[in-house]
Amino acid sequence: MVRISAKPIFVFQALVQYLETHRVLAPGYSFLQDVVSRALGKERGRLRSLLDARLDEATRKMLDKLYLERDAGYAVTALTEWELKTGTYCAYCPSCCKDDLS
């Protein structure tokens, strides 16, 4: 489901529906929230790895510049709770990985 939609609410709803369909007692909300956050973080990491493997340095720099110009304020608010706890931030996020952009 995470590969279809990166919006936490859709992943959460699909997870709850899956549990209901298979007649599994749903755990607490905070546990489900953590599962969704981790799944989204892993998918983000998978996509980051694909981009790192396929983009050359010039293209990365152009994307970084575009990101800085367009969405600089979004980066901090887009971090999931799990990313904040574990420190696994996006490598292209200028506000939290300043050293990675040099």
N, C-alpha and C. Protein backbone atom coordinates (compact mmCIF):
# COMPACT_ATOMS: atom_id res chain seq x y z
N MET A 1 0.81 -1.20 0.00
CA MET A 1 0.00 0.00 0.00
C MET A 1 0.85 1.26 0.00
N VAL A 2 1.99 1.19 0.67
CA VAL A 2 2.86 2.37 0.76
C VAL A 2 3.38 2.75 -0.62
N ARG A 3 3.53 1.77 -1.51
CA ARG A 3 4.00 2.07 -2.85
C ARG A 3 2.92 2.76 -3.68
N ILE A 4 1.67 2.62 -3.30
CA ILE A 4 0.56 3.23 -4.03
C ILE A 4 0.32 4.66 -3.56
N SER A 5 0.33 4.88 -2.26
CA SER A 5 0.07 6.21 -1.71
C SER A 5 1.02 6.50 -0.57
N ALA A 6 1.58 7.70 -0.56
CA ALA A 6 2.50 8.11 0.51
C ALA A 6 1.78 8.91 1.58
N LYS A 7 0.47 9.01 1.49
CA LYS A 7 -0.29 9.76 2.49
C LYS A 7 -0.61 8.83 3.66
N PRO A 8 -0.19 9.22 4.85
CA PRO A 8 -0.38 8.35 6.02
C PRO A 8 -1.82 7.93 6.26
N ILE A 9 -2.78 8.80 6.02
CA ILE A 9 -4.18 8.46 6.30
C ILE A 9 -4.65 7.31 5.41
N PHE A 10 -4.23 7.28 4.15
CA PHE A 10 -4.64 6.20 3.25
C PHE A 10 -4.00 4.88 3.65
N VAL A 11 -2.74 4.93 4.05
CA VAL A 11 -2.05 3.72 4.49
C VAL A 11 -2.70 3.21 5.77
N PHE A 12 -3.01 4.12 6.68
CA PHE A 12 -3.66 3.76 7.94
C PHE A 12 -5.02 3.11 7.68
N GLN A 13 -5.83 3.72 6.82
CA GLN A 13 -7.15 3.18 6.51
C GLN A 13 -7.05 1.80 5.86
N ALA A 14 -6.09 1.62 4.97
CA ALA A 14 -5.92 0.31 4.32
C ALA A 14 -5.49 -0.74 5.34
N LEU A 15 -4.64 -0.35 6.27
CA LEU A 15 -4.20 -1.27 7.31
C LEU A 15 -5.36 -1.69 8.20
N VAL A 16 -6.17 -0.74 8.60
CA VAL A 16 -7.34 -1.05 9.45
C VAL A 16 -8.32 -1.94 8.69
N GLN A 17 -8.54 -1.63 7.41
CA GLN A 17 -9.45 -2.45 6.61
C GLN A 17 -8.91 -3.88 6.46
N TYR A 18 -7.60 -4.01 6.26
CA TYR A 18 -6.99 -5.33 6.16
C TYR A 18 -7.22 -6.12 7.45
N LEU A 19 -7.01 -5.47 8.59
CA LEU A 19 -7.21 -6.15 9.87
C LEU A 19 -8.67 -6.57 10.06
N GLU A 20 -9.59 -5.70 9.67
CA GLU A 20 -11.01 -6.04 9.78
C GLU A 20 -11.38 -7.19 8.86
N THR A 21 -10.89 -7.17 7.63
CA THR A 21 -11.19 -8.20 6.65
C THR A 21 -10.70 -9.57 7.12
N HIS A 22 -9.55 -9.59 7.75
CA HIS A 22 -8.96 -10.84 8.21
C HIS A 22 -9.31 -11.14 9.68
N ARG A 23 -10.26 -10.37 10.19
CA ARG A 23 -10.77 -10.57 11.54
C ARG A 23 -9.66 -10.62 12.60
N VAL A 24 -8.74 -9.66 12.47
CA VAL A 24 -7.65 -9.52 13.43
C VAL A 24 -7.98 -8.35 14.34
N LEU A 25 -7.84 -8.56 15.63
CA LEU A 25 -8.09 -7.49 16.58
C LEU A 25 -7.05 -6.41 16.39
N ALA A 26 -7.51 -5.19 16.14
CA ALA A 26 -6.60 -4.07 15.87
C ALA A 26 -5.88 -3.64 17.14
N PRO A 27 -4.57 -3.42 17.06
CA PRO A 27 -3.83 -2.91 18.22
C PRO A 27 -4.17 -1.44 18.44
N GLY A 28 -3.56 -0.84 19.41
CA GLY A 28 -3.82 0.55 19.73
C GLY A 28 -3.43 1.50 18.61
N TYR A 29 -4.01 2.70 18.67
CA TYR A 29 -3.78 3.71 17.64
C TYR A 29 -2.30 4.08 17.53
N SER A 30 -1.63 4.28 18.65
CA SER A 30 -0.23 4.70 18.59
C SER A 30 0.65 3.62 17.97
N PHE A 31 0.33 2.36 18.19
CA PHE A 31 1.08 1.27 17.56
C PHE A 31 0.88 1.30 16.04
N LEU A 32 -0.38 1.46 15.62
CA LEU A 32 -0.66 1.53 14.18
C LEU A 32 0.02 2.75 13.56
N GLN A 33 0.01 3.85 14.28
CA GLN A 33 0.67 5.06 13.81
C GLN A 33 2.16 4.81 13.61
N ASP A 34 2.77 4.10 14.54
CA ASP A 34 4.19 3.78 14.43
C ASP A 34 4.45 2.85 13.24
N VAL A 35 3.58 1.88 13.02
CA VAL A 35 3.72 0.95 11.89
C VAL A 35 3.65 1.72 10.58
N VAL A 36 2.69 2.62 10.46
CA VAL A 36 2.54 3.41 9.23
C VAL A 36 3.75 4.30 9.03
N SER A 37 4.22 4.95 10.09
CA SER A 37 5.40 5.83 9.98
C SER A 37 6.63 5.06 9.53
N ARG A 38 6.81 3.88 10.10
CA ARG A 38 7.97 3.06 9.72
C ARG A 38 7.86 2.59 8.27
N ALA A 39 6.67 2.19 7.86
CA ALA A 39 6.48 1.74 6.47
C ALA A 39 6.75 2.88 5.49
N LEU A 40 6.26 4.06 5.80
CA LEU A 40 6.50 5.22 4.93
C LEU A 40 7.99 5.57 4.91
N GLY A 41 8.64 5.48 6.06
CA GLY A 41 10.07 5.76 6.13
C GLY A 41 10.89 4.77 5.32
N LYS A 42 10.52 3.50 5.40
CA LYS A 42 11.24 2.48 4.62
C LYS A 42 11.02 2.68 3.12
N GLU A 43 9.81 3.03 2.74
CA GLU A 43 9.55 3.28 1.32
C GLU A 43 10.32 4.51 0.85
N ARG A 44 10.36 5.53 1.66
CA ARG A 44 11.13 6.72 1.33
C ARG A 44 12.60 6.36 1.15
N GLY A 45 13.11 5.51 2.03
CA GLY A 45 14.50 5.05 1.92
C GLY A 45 14.74 4.24 0.66
N ARG A 46 13.78 3.39 0.31
CA ARG A 46 13.90 2.59 -0.91
C ARG A 46 13.96 3.49 -2.14
N LEU A 47 13.07 4.49 -2.16
CA LEU A 47 13.07 5.42 -3.29
C LEU A 47 14.35 6.24 -3.33
N ARG A 48 14.83 6.66 -2.17
CA ARG A 48 16.08 7.42 -2.08
C ARG A 48 17.24 6.59 -2.64
N SER A 49 17.28 5.30 -2.30
CA SER A 49 18.33 4.41 -2.80
C SER A 49 18.27 4.28 -4.32
N LEU A 50 17.06 4.15 -4.84
CA LEU A 50 16.91 4.07 -6.30
C LEU A 50 17.40 5.35 -6.98
N LEU A 51 17.03 6.49 -6.41
CA LEU A 51 17.47 7.75 -6.99
C LEU A 51 18.98 7.91 -6.90
N ASP A 52 19.54 7.55 -5.76
CA ASP A 52 20.99 7.64 -5.58
C ASP A 52 21.73 6.77 -6.60
N ALA A 53 21.19 5.62 -6.89
CA ALA A 53 21.84 4.70 -7.82
C ALA A 53 21.71 5.15 -9.27
N ARG A 54 20.65 5.89 -9.59
CA ARG A 54 20.38 6.20 -10.99
C ARG A 54 20.64 7.64 -11.41
N LEU A 55 20.78 8.55 -10.45
CA LEU A 55 21.00 9.96 -10.80
C LEU A 55 22.48 10.31 -10.72
N ASP A 56 22.94 11.05 -11.71
CA ASP A 56 24.32 11.52 -11.63
C ASP A 56 24.40 12.76 -10.74
N GLU A 57 25.61 13.17 -10.42
CA GLU A 57 25.82 14.28 -9.49
C GLU A 57 25.21 15.59 -9.99
N ALA A 58 25.32 15.86 -11.28
CA ALA A 58 24.78 17.11 -11.84
C ALA A 58 23.26 17.15 -11.69
N THR A 59 22.61 16.04 -11.95
CA THR A 59 21.16 15.98 -11.81
C THR A 59 20.74 16.16 -10.36
N ARG A 60 21.47 15.54 -9.43
CA ARG A 60 21.18 15.70 -8.00
C ARG A 60 21.28 17.16 -7.58
N LYS A 61 22.32 17.83 -8.04
CA LYS A 61 22.50 19.24 -7.68
C LYS A 61 21.37 20.10 -8.24
N MET A 62 20.94 19.80 -9.46
CA MET A 62 19.82 20.54 -10.04
C MET A 62 18.54 20.30 -9.23
N LEU A 63 18.30 19.07 -8.83
CA LEU A 63 17.12 18.76 -8.02
C LEU A 63 17.20 19.43 -6.65
N ASP A 64 18.39 19.43 -6.05
CA ASP A 64 18.57 20.11 -4.76
C ASP A 64 18.25 21.59 -4.89
N LYS A 65 18.73 22.21 -5.95
CA LYS A 65 18.48 23.63 -6.17
C LYS A 65 16.98 23.89 -6.35
N LEU A 66 16.34 23.05 -7.15
CA LEU A 66 14.90 23.17 -7.37
C LEU A 66 14.15 23.02 -6.05
N TYR A 67 14.56 22.06 -5.25
CA TYR A 67 13.93 21.83 -3.96
C TYR A 67 14.08 23.05 -3.06
N LEU A 68 15.28 23.63 -3.01
CA LEU A 68 15.52 24.80 -2.17
C LEU A 68 14.65 25.97 -2.59
N GLU A 69 14.49 26.14 -3.89
CA GLU A 69 13.71 27.27 -4.39
C GLU A 69 12.21 27.08 -4.17
N ARG A 70 11.74 25.85 -4.30
CA ARG A 70 10.30 25.62 -4.31
C ARG A 70 9.72 25.23 -2.95
N ASP A 71 10.33 24.27 -2.26
CA ASP A 71 9.70 23.67 -1.09
C ASP A 71 10.55 23.75 0.17
N ALA A 72 11.30 24.77 0.35
CA ALA A 72 12.22 24.83 1.50
C ALA A 72 11.49 24.69 2.83
N GLY A 73 10.32 25.24 2.98
CA GLY A 73 9.60 25.18 4.24
C GLY A 73 8.93 23.85 4.51
N TYR A 74 8.70 23.05 3.48
CA TYR A 74 7.97 21.80 3.64
C TYR A 74 8.81 20.71 4.29
N ALA A 75 10.11 20.77 4.13
CA ALA A 75 10.98 19.67 4.55
C ALA A 75 10.84 19.33 6.02
N VAL A 76 10.83 20.31 6.89
CA VAL A 76 10.77 20.04 8.32
C VAL A 76 9.41 19.49 8.71
N THR A 77 8.34 20.00 8.13
CA THR A 77 7.01 19.54 8.50
C THR A 77 6.71 18.16 7.91
N ALA A 78 7.44 17.74 6.88
CA ALA A 78 7.16 16.46 6.24
C ALA A 78 7.81 15.29 6.95
N LEU A 79 8.67 15.55 7.91
CA LEU A 79 9.33 14.46 8.61
C LEU A 79 8.33 13.70 9.47
N THR A 80 8.41 12.40 9.42
CA THR A 80 7.53 11.60 10.26
C THR A 80 8.09 11.53 11.68
N GLU A 81 7.26 11.16 12.61
CA GLU A 81 7.67 11.03 14.00
C GLU A 81 8.81 10.03 14.13
N TRP A 82 8.74 8.94 13.37
CA TRP A 82 9.78 7.92 13.43
C TRP A 82 11.11 8.47 12.94
N GLU A 83 11.08 9.28 11.86
CA GLU A 83 12.31 9.88 11.34
C GLU A 83 12.93 10.82 12.37
N LEU A 84 12.09 11.56 13.07
CA LEU A 84 12.60 12.47 14.10
C LEU A 84 13.23 11.70 15.24
N LYS A 85 12.60 10.58 15.65
CA LYS A 85 13.13 9.77 16.76
C LYS A 85 14.46 9.11 16.39
N THR A 86 14.52 8.58 15.18
CA THR A 86 15.70 7.79 14.80
C THR A 86 16.77 8.60 14.09
N GLY A 87 16.44 9.81 13.68
CA GLY A 87 17.42 10.64 12.98
C GLY A 87 17.66 10.22 11.55
N THR A 88 16.72 9.51 10.94
CA THR A 88 16.87 9.08 9.55
C THR A 88 16.17 10.08 8.64
N TYR A 89 16.83 11.18 8.39
CA TYR A 89 16.26 12.24 7.58
C TYR A 89 16.58 12.03 6.11
N CYS A 90 15.81 12.68 5.27
CA CYS A 90 16.01 12.62 3.83
C CYS A 90 17.36 13.24 3.47
N ALA A 91 18.12 12.56 2.65
CA ALA A 91 19.44 13.05 2.26
C ALA A 91 19.36 14.32 1.43
N TYR A 92 18.21 14.63 0.87
CA TYR A 92 18.07 15.82 0.03
C TYR A 92 17.41 16.97 0.76
N CYS A 93 17.21 16.82 2.06
CA CYS A 93 16.51 17.83 2.84
C CYS A 93 17.52 18.84 3.39
N PRO A 94 17.53 20.07 2.88
CA PRO A 94 18.54 21.03 3.27
C PRO A 94 18.44 21.48 4.72
N SER A 95 17.27 21.48 5.28
CA SER A 95 17.13 22.01 6.64
C SER A 95 17.62 21.04 7.70
N CYS A 96 17.67 19.74 7.41
CA CYS A 96 18.10 18.79 8.42
C CYS A 96 19.36 18.03 8.05
N CYS A 97 19.81 18.15 6.84
CA CYS A 97 21.01 17.42 6.40
C CYS A 97 21.94 18.37 5.66
N LYS A 98 22.25 19.47 6.27
CA LYS A 98 23.07 20.49 5.59
C LYS A 98 24.41 19.93 5.13
N ASP A 99 24.99 19.04 5.92
CA ASP A 99 26.30 18.48 5.57
C ASP A 99 26.22 17.56 4.36
N ASP A 100 25.05 16.95 4.11
CA ASP A 100 24.91 16.01 3.00
C ASP A 100 24.86 16.69 1.65
N LEU A 101 24.55 18.00 1.63
CA LEU A 101 24.38 18.69 0.35
C LEU A 101 25.68 19.24 -0.20
N SER A 102 26.73 19.22 0.56
CA SER A 102 27.98 19.81 0.08
C SER A 102 28.71 18.90 -0.88
